[in-house]
């Protein structure tokens, strides 16, 4: 959830991590 993307914004990082890992 925290390291799927390296975006500096923590909210965007968690959001992208959650969205990209739900189906996997």
PDBML (XML) file of the C-alpha atoms, coordinates in Angstrom:
<?xml version="1.0" encoding="UTF-8" ?>
<PDBx:datablock datablockName="MODEL"
   xmlns:PDBx="http://pdbml.pdb.org/schema/pdbx-v50.xsd"
   xmlns:xsi="http://www.w3.org/2001/XMLSchema-instance"
   xsi:schemaLocation="http://pdbml.pdb.org/schema/pdbx-v50.xsd pdbx-v50.xsd">
   <PDBx:atom_siteCategory>
      <PDBx:atom_site id="1">
         <PDBx:B_iso_or_equiv>0.00</PDBx:B_iso_or_equiv>
         <PDBx:Cartn_x>0.000</PDBx:Cartn_x>
         <PDBx:Cartn_y>0.000</PDBx:Cartn_y>
         <PDBx:Cartn_z>0.000</PDBx:Cartn_z>
         <PDBx:auth_asym_id>A</PDBx:auth_asym_id>
         <PDBx:auth_atom_id>CA</PDBx:auth_atom_id>
         <PDBx:auth_comp_id>UNK</PDBx:auth_comp_id>
         <PDBx:auth_seq_id>1</PDBx:auth_seq_id>
         <PDBx:group_PDB>ATOM</PDBx:group_PDB>
         <PDBx:label_alt_id xsi:nil="true" />
         <PDBx:label_asym_id>A</PDBx:label_asym_id>
         <PDBx:label_atom_id>CA</PDBx:label_atom_id>
         <PDBx:label_comp_id>UNK</PDBx:label_comp_id>
         <PDBx:label_entity_id>1</PDBx:label_entity_id>
         <PDBx:label_seq_id>1</PDBx:label_seq_id>
         <PDBx:occupancy>1.00</PDBx:occupancy>
         <PDBx:pdbx_PDB_model_num>1</PDBx:pdbx_PDB_model_num>
         <PDBx:type_symbol>C</PDBx:type_symbol>
      </PDBx:atom_site>
      <PDBx:atom_site id="2">
         <PDBx:B_iso_or_equiv>0.00</PDBx:B_iso_or_equiv>
         <PDBx:Cartn_x>2.863</PDBx:Cartn_x>
         <PDBx:Cartn_y>2.384</PDBx:Cartn_y>
         <PDBx:Cartn_z>0.872</PDBx:Cartn_z>
         <PDBx:auth_asym_id>A</PDBx:auth_asym_id>
         <PDBx:auth_atom_id>CA</PDBx:auth_atom_id>
         <PDBx:auth_comp_id>UNK</PDBx:auth_comp_id>
         <PDBx:auth_seq_id>2</PDBx:auth_seq_id>
         <PDBx:group_PDB>ATOM</PDBx:group_PDB>
         <PDBx:label_alt_id xsi:nil="true" />
         <PDBx:label_asym_id>A</PDBx:label_asym_id>
         <PDBx:label_atom_id>CA</PDBx:label_atom_id>
         <PDBx:label_comp_id>UNK</PDBx:label_comp_id>
         <PDBx:label_entity_id>1</PDBx:label_entity_id>
         <PDBx:label_seq_id>2</PDBx:label_seq_id>
         <PDBx:occupancy>1.00</PDBx:occupancy>
         <PDBx:pdbx_PDB_model_num>1</PDBx:pdbx_PDB_model_num>
         <PDBx:type_symbol>C</PDBx:type_symbol>
      </PDBx:atom_site>
      <PDBx:atom_site id="3">
         <PDBx:B_iso_or_equiv>0.00</PDBx:B_iso_or_equiv>
         <PDBx:Cartn_x>5.508</PDBx:Cartn_x>
         <PDBx:Cartn_y>1.438</PDBx:Cartn_y>
         <PDBx:Cartn_z>-1.688</PDBx:Cartn_z>
         <PDBx:auth_asym_id>A</PDBx:auth_asym_id>
         <PDBx:auth_atom_id>CA</PDBx:auth_atom_id>
         <PDBx:auth_comp_id>UNK</PDBx:auth_comp_id>
         <PDBx:auth_seq_id>3</PDBx:auth_seq_id>
         <PDBx:group_PDB>ATOM</PDBx:group_PDB>
         <PDBx:label_alt_id xsi:nil="true" />
         <PDBx:label_asym_id>A</PDBx:label_asym_id>
         <PDBx:label_atom_id>CA</PDBx:label_atom_id>
         <PDBx:label_comp_id>UNK</PDBx:label_comp_id>
         <PDBx:label_entity_id>1</PDBx:label_entity_id>
         <PDBx:label_seq_id>3</PDBx:label_seq_id>
         <PDBx:occupancy>1.00</PDBx:occupancy>
         <PDBx:pdbx_PDB_model_num>1</PDBx:pdbx_PDB_model_num>
         <PDBx:type_symbol>C</PDBx:type_symbol>
      </PDBx:atom_site>
      <PDBx:atom_site id="4">
         <PDBx:B_iso_or_equiv>0.00</PDBx:B_iso_or_equiv>
         <PDBx:Cartn_x>3.684</PDBx:Cartn_x>
         <PDBx:Cartn_y>0.449</PDBx:Cartn_y>
         <PDBx:Cartn_z>-4.873</PDBx:Cartn_z>
         <PDBx:auth_asym_id>A</PDBx:auth_asym_id>
         <PDBx:auth_atom_id>CA</PDBx:auth_atom_id>
         <PDBx:auth_comp_id>UNK</PDBx:auth_comp_id>
         <PDBx:auth_seq_id>4</PDBx:auth_seq_id>
         <PDBx:group_PDB>ATOM</PDBx:group_PDB>
         <PDBx:label_alt_id xsi:nil="true" />
         <PDBx:label_asym_id>A</PDBx:label_asym_id>
         <PDBx:label_atom_id>CA</PDBx:label_atom_id>
         <PDBx:label_comp_id>UNK</PDBx:label_comp_id>
         <PDBx:label_entity_id>1</PDBx:label_entity_id>
         <PDBx:label_seq_id>4</PDBx:label_seq_id>
         <PDBx:occupancy>1.00</PDBx:occupancy>
         <PDBx:pdbx_PDB_model_num>1</PDBx:pdbx_PDB_model_num>
         <PDBx:type_symbol>C</PDBx:type_symbol>
      </PDBx:atom_site>
      <PDBx:atom_site id="5">
         <PDBx:B_iso_or_equiv>0.00</PDBx:B_iso_or_equiv>
         <PDBx:Cartn_x>4.282</PDBx:Cartn_x>
         <PDBx:Cartn_y>4.016</PDBx:Cartn_y>
         <PDBx:Cartn_z>-6.080</PDBx:Cartn_z>
         <PDBx:auth_asym_id>A</PDBx:auth_asym_id>
         <PDBx:auth_atom_id>CA</PDBx:auth_atom_id>
         <PDBx:auth_comp_id>UNK</PDBx:auth_comp_id>
         <PDBx:auth_seq_id>5</PDBx:auth_seq_id>
         <PDBx:group_PDB>ATOM</PDBx:group_PDB>
         <PDBx:label_alt_id xsi:nil="true" />
         <PDBx:label_asym_id>A</PDBx:label_asym_id>
         <PDBx:label_atom_id>CA</PDBx:label_atom_id>
         <PDBx:label_comp_id>UNK</PDBx:label_comp_id>
         <PDBx:label_entity_id>1</PDBx:label_entity_id>
         <PDBx:label_seq_id>5</PDBx:label_seq_id>
         <PDBx:occupancy>1.00</PDBx:occupancy>
         <PDBx:pdbx_PDB_model_num>1</PDBx:pdbx_PDB_model_num>
         <PDBx:type_symbol>C</PDBx:type_symbol>
      </PDBx:atom_site>
      <PDBx:atom_site id="6">
         <PDBx:B_iso_or_equiv>0.00</PDBx:B_iso_or_equiv>
         <PDBx:Cartn_x>6.938</PDBx:Cartn_x>
         <PDBx:Cartn_y>6.539</PDBx:Cartn_y>
         <PDBx:Cartn_z>-5.045</PDBx:Cartn_z>
         <PDBx:auth_asym_id>A</PDBx:auth_asym_id>
         <PDBx:auth_atom_id>CA</PDBx:auth_atom_id>
         <PDBx:auth_comp_id>UNK</PDBx:auth_comp_id>
         <PDBx:auth_seq_id>6</PDBx:auth_seq_id>
         <PDBx:group_PDB>ATOM</PDBx:group_PDB>
         <PDBx:label_alt_id xsi:nil="true" />
         <PDBx:label_asym_id>A</PDBx:label_asym_id>
         <PDBx:label_atom_id>CA</PDBx:label_atom_id>
         <PDBx:label_comp_id>UNK</PDBx:label_comp_id>
         <PDBx:label_entity_id>1</PDBx:label_entity_id>
         <PDBx:label_seq_id>6</PDBx:label_seq_id>
         <PDBx:occupancy>1.00</PDBx:occupancy>
         <PDBx:pdbx_PDB_model_num>1</PDBx:pdbx_PDB_model_num>
         <PDBx:type_symbol>C</PDBx:type_symbol>
      </PDBx:atom_site>
      <PDBx:atom_site id="7">
         <PDBx:B_iso_or_equiv>0.00</PDBx:B_iso_or_equiv>
         <PDBx:Cartn_x>4.666</PDBx:Cartn_x>
         <PDBx:Cartn_y>9.596</PDBx:Cartn_y>
         <PDBx:Cartn_z>-5.146</PDBx:Cartn_z>
         <PDBx:auth_asym_id>A</PDBx:auth_asym_id>
         <PDBx:auth_atom_id>CA</PDBx:auth_atom_id>
         <PDBx:auth_comp_id>UNK</PDBx:auth_comp_id>
         <PDBx:auth_seq_id>7</PDBx:auth_seq_id>
         <PDBx:group_PDB>ATOM</PDBx:group_PDB>
         <PDBx:label_alt_id xsi:nil="true" />
         <PDBx:label_asym_id>A</PDBx:label_asym_id>
         <PDBx:label_atom_id>CA</PDBx:label_atom_id>
         <PDBx:label_comp_id>UNK</PDBx:label_comp_id>
         <PDBx:label_entity_id>1</PDBx:label_entity_id>
         <PDBx:label_seq_id>7</PDBx:label_seq_id>
         <PDBx:occupancy>1.00</PDBx:occupancy>
         <PDBx:pdbx_PDB_model_num>1</PDBx:pdbx_PDB_model_num>
         <PDBx:type_symbol>C</PDBx:type_symbol>
      </PDBx:atom_site>
      <PDBx:atom_site id="8">
         <PDBx:B_iso_or_equiv>0.00</PDBx:B_iso_or_equiv>
         <PDBx:Cartn_x>5.702</PDBx:Cartn_x>
         <PDBx:Cartn_y>12.230</PDBx:Cartn_y>
         <PDBx:Cartn_z>-2.604</PDBx:Cartn_z>
         <PDBx:auth_asym_id>A</PDBx:auth_asym_id>
         <PDBx:auth_atom_id>CA</PDBx:auth_atom_id>
         <PDBx:auth_comp_id>UNK</PDBx:auth_comp_id>
         <PDBx:auth_seq_id>8</PDBx:auth_seq_id>
         <PDBx:group_PDB>ATOM</PDBx:group_PDB>
         <PDBx:label_alt_id xsi:nil="true" />
         <PDBx:label_asym_id>A</PDBx:label_asym_id>
         <PDBx:label_atom_id>CA</PDBx:label_atom_id>
         <PDBx:label_comp_id>UNK</PDBx:label_comp_id>
         <PDBx:label_entity_id>1</PDBx:label_entity_id>
         <PDBx:label_seq_id>8</PDBx:label_seq_id>
         <PDBx:occupancy>1.00</PDBx:occupancy>
         <PDBx:pdbx_PDB_model_num>1</PDBx:pdbx_PDB_model_num>
         <PDBx:type_symbol>C</PDBx:type_symbol>
      </PDBx:atom_site>
      <PDBx:atom_site id="9">
         <PDBx:B_iso_or_equiv>0.00</PDBx:B_iso_or_equiv>
         <PDBx:Cartn_x>2.115</PDBx:Cartn_x>
         <PDBx:Cartn_y>13.011</PDBx:Cartn_y>
         <PDBx:Cartn_z>-1.610</PDBx:Cartn_z>
         <PDBx:auth_asym_id>A</PDBx:auth_asym_id>
         <PDBx:auth_atom_id>CA</PDBx:auth_atom_id>
         <PDBx:auth_comp_id>UNK</PDBx:auth_comp_id>
         <PDBx:auth_seq_id>9</PDBx:auth_seq_id>
         <PDBx:group_PDB>ATOM</PDBx:group_PDB>
         <PDBx:label_alt_id xsi:nil="true" />
         <PDBx:label_asym_id>A</PDBx:label_asym_id>
         <PDBx:label_atom_id>CA</PDBx:label_atom_id>
         <PDBx:label_comp_id>UNK</PDBx:label_comp_id>
         <PDBx:label_entity_id>1</PDBx:label_entity_id>
         <PDBx:label_seq_id>9</PDBx:label_seq_id>
         <PDBx:occupancy>1.00</PDBx:occupancy>
         <PDBx:pdbx_PDB_model_num>1</PDBx:pdbx_PDB_model_num>
         <PDBx:type_symbol>C</PDBx:type_symbol>
      </PDBx:atom_site>
      <PDBx:atom_site id="10">
         <PDBx:B_iso_or_equiv>0.00</PDBx:B_iso_or_equiv>
         <PDBx:Cartn_x>1.216</PDBx:Cartn_x>
         <PDBx:Cartn_y>10.368</PDBx:Cartn_y>
         <PDBx:Cartn_z>1.044</PDBx:Cartn_z>
         <PDBx:auth_asym_id>A</PDBx:auth_asym_id>
         <PDBx:auth_atom_id>CA</PDBx:auth_atom_id>
         <PDBx:auth_comp_id>UNK</PDBx:auth_comp_id>
         <PDBx:auth_seq_id>10</PDBx:auth_seq_id>
         <PDBx:group_PDB>ATOM</PDBx:group_PDB>
         <PDBx:label_alt_id xsi:nil="true" />
         <PDBx:label_asym_id>A</PDBx:label_asym_id>
         <PDBx:label_atom_id>CA</PDBx:label_atom_id>
         <PDBx:label_comp_id>UNK</PDBx:label_comp_id>
         <PDBx:label_entity_id>1</PDBx:label_entity_id>
         <PDBx:label_seq_id>10</PDBx:label_seq_id>
         <PDBx:occupancy>1.00</PDBx:occupancy>
         <PDBx:pdbx_PDB_model_num>1</PDBx:pdbx_PDB_model_num>
         <PDBx:type_symbol>C</PDBx:type_symbol>
      </PDBx:atom_site>
      <PDBx:atom_site id="11">
         <PDBx:B_iso_or_equiv>0.00</PDBx:B_iso_or_equiv>
         <PDBx:Cartn_x>-2.496</PDBx:Cartn_x>
         <PDBx:Cartn_y>10.530</PDBx:Cartn_y>
         <PDBx:Cartn_z>0.252</PDBx:Cartn_z>
         <PDBx:auth_asym_id>A</PDBx:auth_asym_id>
         <PDBx:auth_atom_id>CA</PDBx:auth_atom_id>
         <PDBx:auth_comp_id>UNK</PDBx:auth_comp_id>
         <PDBx:auth_seq_id>11</PDBx:auth_seq_id>
         <PDBx:group_PDB>ATOM</PDBx:group_PDB>
         <PDBx:label_alt_id xsi:nil="true" />
         <PDBx:label_asym_id>A</PDBx:label_asym_id>
         <PDBx:label_atom_id>CA</PDBx:label_atom_id>
         <PDBx:label_comp_id>UNK</PDBx:label_comp_id>
         <PDBx:label_entity_id>1</PDBx:label_entity_id>
         <PDBx:label_seq_id>11</PDBx:label_seq_id>
         <PDBx:occupancy>1.00</PDBx:occupancy>
         <PDBx:pdbx_PDB_model_num>1</PDBx:pdbx_PDB_model_num>
         <PDBx:type_symbol>C</PDBx:type_symbol>
      </PDBx:atom_site>
      <PDBx:atom_site id="12">
         <PDBx:B_iso_or_equiv>0.00</PDBx:B_iso_or_equiv>
         <PDBx:Cartn_x>-1.923</PDBx:Cartn_x>
         <PDBx:Cartn_y>9.911</PDBx:Cartn_y>
         <PDBx:Cartn_z>-3.448</PDBx:Cartn_z>
         <PDBx:auth_asym_id>A</PDBx:auth_asym_id>
         <PDBx:auth_atom_id>CA</PDBx:auth_atom_id>
         <PDBx:auth_comp_id>UNK</PDBx:auth_comp_id>
         <PDBx:auth_seq_id>12</PDBx:auth_seq_id>
         <PDBx:group_PDB>ATOM</PDBx:group_PDB>
         <PDBx:label_alt_id xsi:nil="true" />
         <PDBx:label_asym_id>A</PDBx:label_asym_id>
         <PDBx:label_atom_id>CA</PDBx:label_atom_id>
         <PDBx:label_comp_id>UNK</PDBx:label_comp_id>
         <PDBx:label_entity_id>1</PDBx:label_entity_id>
         <PDBx:label_seq_id>12</PDBx:label_seq_id>
         <PDBx:occupancy>1.00</PDBx:occupancy>
         <PDBx:pdbx_PDB_model_num>1</PDBx:pdbx_PDB_model_num>
         <PDBx:type_symbol>C</PDBx:type_symbol>
      </PDBx:atom_site>
      <PDBx:atom_site id="13">
         <PDBx:B_iso_or_equiv>0.00</PDBx:B_iso_or_equiv>
         <PDBx:Cartn_x>0.614</PDBx:Cartn_x>
         <PDBx:Cartn_y>7.211</PDBx:Cartn_y>
         <PDBx:Cartn_z>-2.622</PDBx:Cartn_z>
         <PDBx:auth_asym_id>A</PDBx:auth_asym_id>
         <PDBx:auth_atom_id>CA</PDBx:auth_atom_id>
         <PDBx:auth_comp_id>UNK</PDBx:auth_comp_id>
         <PDBx:auth_seq_id>13</PDBx:auth_seq_id>
         <PDBx:group_PDB>ATOM</PDBx:group_PDB>
         <PDBx:label_alt_id xsi:nil="true" />
         <PDBx:label_asym_id>A</PDBx:label_asym_id>
         <PDBx:label_atom_id>CA</PDBx:label_atom_id>
         <PDBx:label_comp_id>UNK</PDBx:label_comp_id>
         <PDBx:label_entity_id>1</PDBx:label_entity_id>
         <PDBx:label_seq_id>13</PDBx:label_seq_id>
         <PDBx:occupancy>1.00</PDBx:occupancy>
         <PDBx:pdbx_PDB_model_num>1</PDBx:pdbx_PDB_model_num>
         <PDBx:type_symbol>C</PDBx:type_symbol>
      </PDBx:atom_site>
      <PDBx:atom_site id="14">
         <PDBx:B_iso_or_equiv>0.00</PDBx:B_iso_or_equiv>
         <PDBx:Cartn_x>-1.867</PDBx:Cartn_x>
         <PDBx:Cartn_y>5.288</PDBx:Cartn_y>
         <PDBx:Cartn_z>-0.469</PDBx:Cartn_z>
         <PDBx:auth_asym_id>A</PDBx:auth_asym_id>
         <PDBx:auth_atom_id>CA</PDBx:auth_atom_id>
         <PDBx:auth_comp_id>UNK</PDBx:auth_comp_id>
         <PDBx:auth_seq_id>14</PDBx:auth_seq_id>
         <PDBx:group_PDB>ATOM</PDBx:group_PDB>
         <PDBx:label_alt_id xsi:nil="true" />
         <PDBx:label_asym_id>A</PDBx:label_asym_id>
         <PDBx:label_atom_id>CA</PDBx:label_atom_id>
         <PDBx:label_comp_id>UNK</PDBx:label_comp_id>
         <PDBx:label_entity_id>1</PDBx:label_entity_id>
         <PDBx:label_seq_id>14</PDBx:label_seq_id>
         <PDBx:occupancy>1.00</PDBx:occupancy>
         <PDBx:pdbx_PDB_model_num>1</PDBx:pdbx_PDB_model_num>
         <PDBx:type_symbol>C</PDBx:type_symbol>
      </PDBx:atom_site>
      <PDBx:atom_site id="15">
         <PDBx:B_iso_or_equiv>0.00</PDBx:B_iso_or_equiv>
         <PDBx:Cartn_x>-4.709</PDBx:Cartn_x>
         <PDBx:Cartn_y>5.860</PDBx:Cartn_y>
         <PDBx:Cartn_z>-2.944</PDBx:Cartn_z>
         <PDBx:auth_asym_id>A</PDBx:auth_asym_id>
         <PDBx:auth_atom_id>CA</PDBx:auth_atom_id>
         <PDBx:auth_comp_id>UNK</PDBx:auth_comp_id>
         <PDBx:auth_seq_id>15</PDBx:auth_seq_id>
         <PDBx:group_PDB>ATOM</PDBx:group_PDB>
         <PDBx:label_alt_id xsi:nil="true" />
         <PDBx:label_asym_id>A</PDBx:label_asym_id>
         <PDBx:label_atom_id>CA</PDBx:label_atom_id>
         <PDBx:label_comp_id>UNK</PDBx:label_comp_id>
         <PDBx:label_entity_id>1</PDBx:label_entity_id>
         <PDBx:label_seq_id>15</PDBx:label_seq_id>
         <PDBx:occupancy>1.00</PDBx:occupancy>
         <PDBx:pdbx_PDB_model_num>1</PDBx:pdbx_PDB_model_num>
         <PDBx:type_symbol>C</PDBx:type_symbol>
      </PDBx:atom_site>
      <PDBx:atom_site id="16">
         <PDBx:B_iso_or_equiv>0.00</PDBx:B_iso_or_equiv>
         <PDBx:Cartn_x>-2.697</PDBx:Cartn_x>
         <PDBx:Cartn_y>4.603</PDBx:Cartn_y>
         <PDBx:Cartn_z>-5.907</PDBx:Cartn_z>
         <PDBx:auth_asym_id>A</PDBx:auth_asym_id>
         <PDBx:auth_atom_id>CA</PDBx:auth_atom_id>
         <PDBx:auth_comp_id>UNK</PDBx:auth_comp_id>
         <PDBx:auth_seq_id>16</PDBx:auth_seq_id>
         <PDBx:group_PDB>ATOM</PDBx:group_PDB>
         <PDBx:label_alt_id xsi:nil="true" />
         <PDBx:label_asym_id>A</PDBx:label_asym_id>
         <PDBx:label_atom_id>CA</PDBx:label_atom_id>
         <PDBx:label_comp_id>UNK</PDBx:label_comp_id>
         <PDBx:label_entity_id>1</PDBx:label_entity_id>
         <PDBx:label_seq_id>16</PDBx:label_seq_id>
         <PDBx:occupancy>1.00</PDBx:occupancy>
         <PDBx:pdbx_PDB_model_num>1</PDBx:pdbx_PDB_model_num>
         <PDBx:type_symbol>C</PDBx:type_symbol>
      </PDBx:atom_site>
      <PDBx:atom_site id="17">
         <PDBx:B_iso_or_equiv>0.00</PDBx:B_iso_or_equiv>
         <PDBx:Cartn_x>-1.367</PDBx:Cartn_x>
         <PDBx:Cartn_y>1.701</PDBx:Cartn_y>
         <PDBx:Cartn_z>-3.853</PDBx:Cartn_z>
         <PDBx:auth_asym_id>A</PDBx:auth_asym_id>
         <PDBx:auth_atom_id>CA</PDBx:auth_atom_id>
         <PDBx:auth_comp_id>UNK</PDBx:auth_comp_id>
         <PDBx:auth_seq_id>17</PDBx:auth_seq_id>
         <PDBx:group_PDB>ATOM</PDBx:group_PDB>
         <PDBx:label_alt_id xsi:nil="true" />
         <PDBx:label_asym_id>A</PDBx:label_asym_id>
         <PDBx:label_atom_id>CA</PDBx:label_atom_id>
         <PDBx:label_comp_id>UNK</PDBx:label_comp_id>
         <PDBx:label_entity_id>1</PDBx:label_entity_id>
         <PDBx:label_seq_id>17</PDBx:label_seq_id>
         <PDBx:occupancy>1.00</PDBx:occupancy>
         <PDBx:pdbx_PDB_model_num>1</PDBx:pdbx_PDB_model_num>
         <PDBx:type_symbol>C</PDBx:type_symbol>
      </PDBx:atom_site>
      <PDBx:atom_site id="18">
         <PDBx:B_iso_or_equiv>0.00</PDBx:B_iso_or_equiv>
         <PDBx:Cartn_x>-4.850</PDBx:Cartn_x>
         <PDBx:Cartn_y>0.645</PDBx:Cartn_y>
         <PDBx:Cartn_z>-2.801</PDBx:Cartn_z>
         <PDBx:auth_asym_id>A</PDBx:auth_asym_id>
         <PDBx:auth_atom_id>CA</PDBx:auth_atom_id>
         <PDBx:auth_comp_id>UNK</PDBx:auth_comp_id>
         <PDBx:auth_seq_id>18</PDBx:auth_seq_id>
         <PDBx:group_PDB>ATOM</PDBx:group_PDB>
         <PDBx:label_alt_id xsi:nil="true" />
         <PDBx:label_asym_id>A</PDBx:label_asym_id>
         <PDBx:label_atom_id>CA</PDBx:label_atom_id>
         <PDBx:label_comp_id>UNK</PDBx:label_comp_id>
         <PDBx:label_entity_id>1</PDBx:label_entity_id>
         <PDBx:label_seq_id>18</PDBx:label_seq_id>
         <PDBx:occupancy>1.00</PDBx:occupancy>
         <PDBx:pdbx_PDB_model_num>1</PDBx:pdbx_PDB_model_num>
         <PDBx:type_symbol>C</PDBx:type_symbol>
      </PDBx:atom_site>
      <PDBx:atom_site id="19">
         <PDBx:B_iso_or_equiv>0.00</PDBx:B_iso_or_equiv>
         <PDBx:Cartn_x>-6.358</PDBx:Cartn_x>
         <PDBx:Cartn_y>0.981</PDBx:Cartn_y>
         <PDBx:Cartn_z>-6.282</PDBx:Cartn_z>
         <PDBx:auth_asym_id>A</PDBx:auth_asym_id>
         <PDBx:auth_atom_id>CA</PDBx:auth_atom_id>
         <PDBx:auth_comp_id>UNK</PDBx:auth_comp_id>
         <PDBx:auth_seq_id>19</PDBx:auth_seq_id>
         <PDBx:group_PDB>ATOM</PDBx:group_PDB>
         <PDBx:label_alt_id xsi:nil="true" />
         <PDBx:label_asym_id>A</PDBx:label_asym_id>
         <PDBx:label_atom_id>CA</PDBx:label_atom_id>
         <PDBx:label_comp_id>UNK</PDBx:label_comp_id>
         <PDBx:label_entity_id>1</PDBx:label_entity_id>
         <PDBx:label_seq_id>19</PDBx:label_seq_id>
         <PDBx:occupancy>1.00</PDBx:occupancy>
         <PDBx:pdbx_PDB_model_num>1</PDBx:pdbx_PDB_model_num>
         <PDBx:type_symbol>C</PDBx:type_symbol>
      </PDBx:atom_site>
      <PDBx:atom_site id="20">
         <PDBx:B_iso_or_equiv>0.00</PDBx:B_iso_or_equiv>
         <PDBx:Cartn_x>-3.545</PDBx:Cartn_x>
         <PDBx:Cartn_y>-0.920</PDBx:Cartn_y>
         <PDBx:Cartn_z>-7.998</PDBx:Cartn_z>
         <PDBx:auth_asym_id>A</PDBx:auth_asym_id>
         <PDBx:auth_atom_id>CA</PDBx:auth_atom_id>
         <PDBx:auth_comp_id>UNK</PDBx:auth_comp_id>
         <PDBx:auth_seq_id>20</PDBx:auth_seq_id>
         <PDBx:group_PDB>ATOM</PDBx:group_PDB>
         <PDBx:label_alt_id xsi:nil="true" />
         <PDBx:label_asym_id>A</PDBx:label_asym_id>
         <PDBx:label_atom_id>CA</PDBx:label_atom_id>
         <PDBx:label_comp_id>UNK</PDBx:label_comp_id>
         <PDBx:label_entity_id>1</PDBx:label_entity_id>
         <PDBx:label_seq_id>20</PDBx:label_seq_id>
         <PDBx:occupancy>1.00</PDBx:occupancy>
         <PDBx:pdbx_PDB_model_num>1</PDBx:pdbx_PDB_model_num>
         <PDBx:type_symbol>C</PDBx:type_symbol>
      </PDBx:atom_site>
      <PDBx:atom_site id="21">
         <PDBx:B_iso_or_equiv>0.00</PDBx:B_iso_or_equiv>
         <PDBx:Cartn_x>-3.399</PDBx:Cartn_x>
         <PDBx:Cartn_y>-3.743</PDBx:Cartn_y>
         <PDBx:Cartn_z>-5.440</PDBx:Cartn_z>
         <PDBx:auth_asym_id>A</PDBx:auth_asym_id>
         <PDBx:auth_atom_id>CA</PDBx:auth_atom_id>
         <PDBx:auth_comp_id>UNK</PDBx:auth_comp_id>
         <PDBx:auth_seq_id>21</PDBx:auth_seq_id>
         <PDBx:group_PDB>ATOM</PDBx:group_PDB>
         <PDBx:label_alt_id xsi:nil="true" />
         <PDBx:label_asym_id>A</PDBx:label_asym_id>
         <PDBx:label_atom_id>CA</PDBx:label_atom_id>
         <PDBx:label_comp_id>UNK</PDBx:label_comp_id>
         <PDBx:label_entity_id>1</PDBx:label_entity_id>
         <PDBx:label_seq_id>21</PDBx:label_seq_id>
         <PDBx:occupancy>1.00</PDBx:occupancy>
         <PDBx:pdbx_PDB_model_num>1</PDBx:pdbx_PDB_model_num>
         <PDBx:type_symbol>C</PDBx:type_symbol>
      </PDBx:atom_site>
      <PDBx:atom_site id="22">
         <PDBx:B_iso_or_equiv>0.00</PDBx:B_iso_or_equiv>
         <PDBx:Cartn_x>-7.097</PDBx:Cartn_x>
         <PDBx:Cartn_y>-4.510</PDBx:Cartn_y>
         <PDBx:Cartn_z>-4.917</PDBx:Cartn_z>
         <PDBx:auth_asym_id>A</PDBx:auth_asym_id>
         <PDBx:auth_atom_id>CA</PDBx:auth_atom_id>
         <PDBx:auth_comp_id>UNK</PDBx:auth_comp_id>
         <PDBx:auth_seq_id>22</PDBx:auth_seq_id>
         <PDBx:group_PDB>ATOM</PDBx:group_PDB>
         <PDBx:label_alt_id xsi:nil="true" />
         <PDBx:label_asym_id>A</PDBx:label_asym_id>
         <PDBx:label_atom_id>CA</PDBx:label_atom_id>
         <PDBx:label_comp_id>UNK</PDBx:label_comp_id>
         <PDBx:label_entity_id>1</PDBx:label_entity_id>
         <PDBx:label_seq_id>22</PDBx:label_seq_id>
         <PDBx:occupancy>1.00</PDBx:occupancy>
         <PDBx:pdbx_PDB_model_num>1</PDBx:pdbx_PDB_model_num>
         <PDBx:type_symbol>C</PDBx:type_symbol>
      </PDBx:atom_site>
      <PDBx:atom_site id="23">
         <PDBx:B_iso_or_equiv>0.00</PDBx:B_iso_or_equiv>
         <PDBx:Cartn_x>-7.474</PDBx:Cartn_x>
         <PDBx:Cartn_y>-6.935</PDBx:Cartn_y>
         <PDBx:Cartn_z>-7.846</PDBx:Cartn_z>
         <PDBx:auth_asym_id>A</PDBx:auth_asym_id>
         <PDBx:auth_atom_id>CA</PDBx:auth_atom_id>
         <PDBx:auth_comp_id>UNK</PDBx:auth_comp_id>
         <PDBx:auth_seq_id>23</PDBx:auth_seq_id>
         <PDBx:group_PDB>ATOM</PDBx:group_PDB>
         <PDBx:label_alt_id xsi:nil="true" />
         <PDBx:label_asym_id>A</PDBx:label_asym_id>
         <PDBx:label_atom_id>CA</PDBx:label_atom_id>
         <PDBx:label_comp_id>UNK</PDBx:label_comp_id>
         <PDBx:label_entity_id>1</PDBx:label_entity_id>
         <PDBx:label_seq_id>23</PDBx:label_seq_id>
         <PDBx:occupancy>1.00</PDBx:occupancy>
         <PDBx:pdbx_PDB_model_num>1</PDBx:pdbx_PDB_model_num>
         <PDBx:type_symbol>C</PDBx:type_symbol>
      </PDBx:atom_site>
      <PDBx:atom_site id="24">
         <PDBx:B_iso_or_equiv>0.00</PDBx:B_iso_or_equiv>
         <PDBx:Cartn_x>-3.993</PDBx:Cartn_x>
         <PDBx:Cartn_y>-8.480</PDBx:Cartn_y>
         <PDBx:Cartn_z>-7.400</PDBx:Cartn_z>
         <PDBx:auth_asym_id>A</PDBx:auth_asym_id>
         <PDBx:auth_atom_id>CA</PDBx:auth_atom_id>
         <PDBx:auth_comp_id>UNK</PDBx:auth_comp_id>
         <PDBx:auth_seq_id>24</PDBx:auth_seq_id>
         <PDBx:group_PDB>ATOM</PDBx:group_PDB>
         <PDBx:label_alt_id xsi:nil="true" />
         <PDBx:label_asym_id>A</PDBx:label_asym_id>
         <PDBx:label_atom_id>CA</PDBx:label_atom_id>
         <PDBx:label_comp_id>UNK</PDBx:label_comp_id>
         <PDBx:label_entity_id>1</PDBx:label_entity_id>
         <PDBx:label_seq_id>24</PDBx:label_seq_id>
         <PDBx:occupancy>1.00</PDBx:occupancy>
         <PDBx:pdbx_PDB_model_num>1</PDBx:pdbx_PDB_model_num>
         <PDBx:type_symbol>C</PDBx:type_symbol>
      </PDBx:atom_site>
   </PDBx:atom_siteCategory>
</PDBx:datablock>
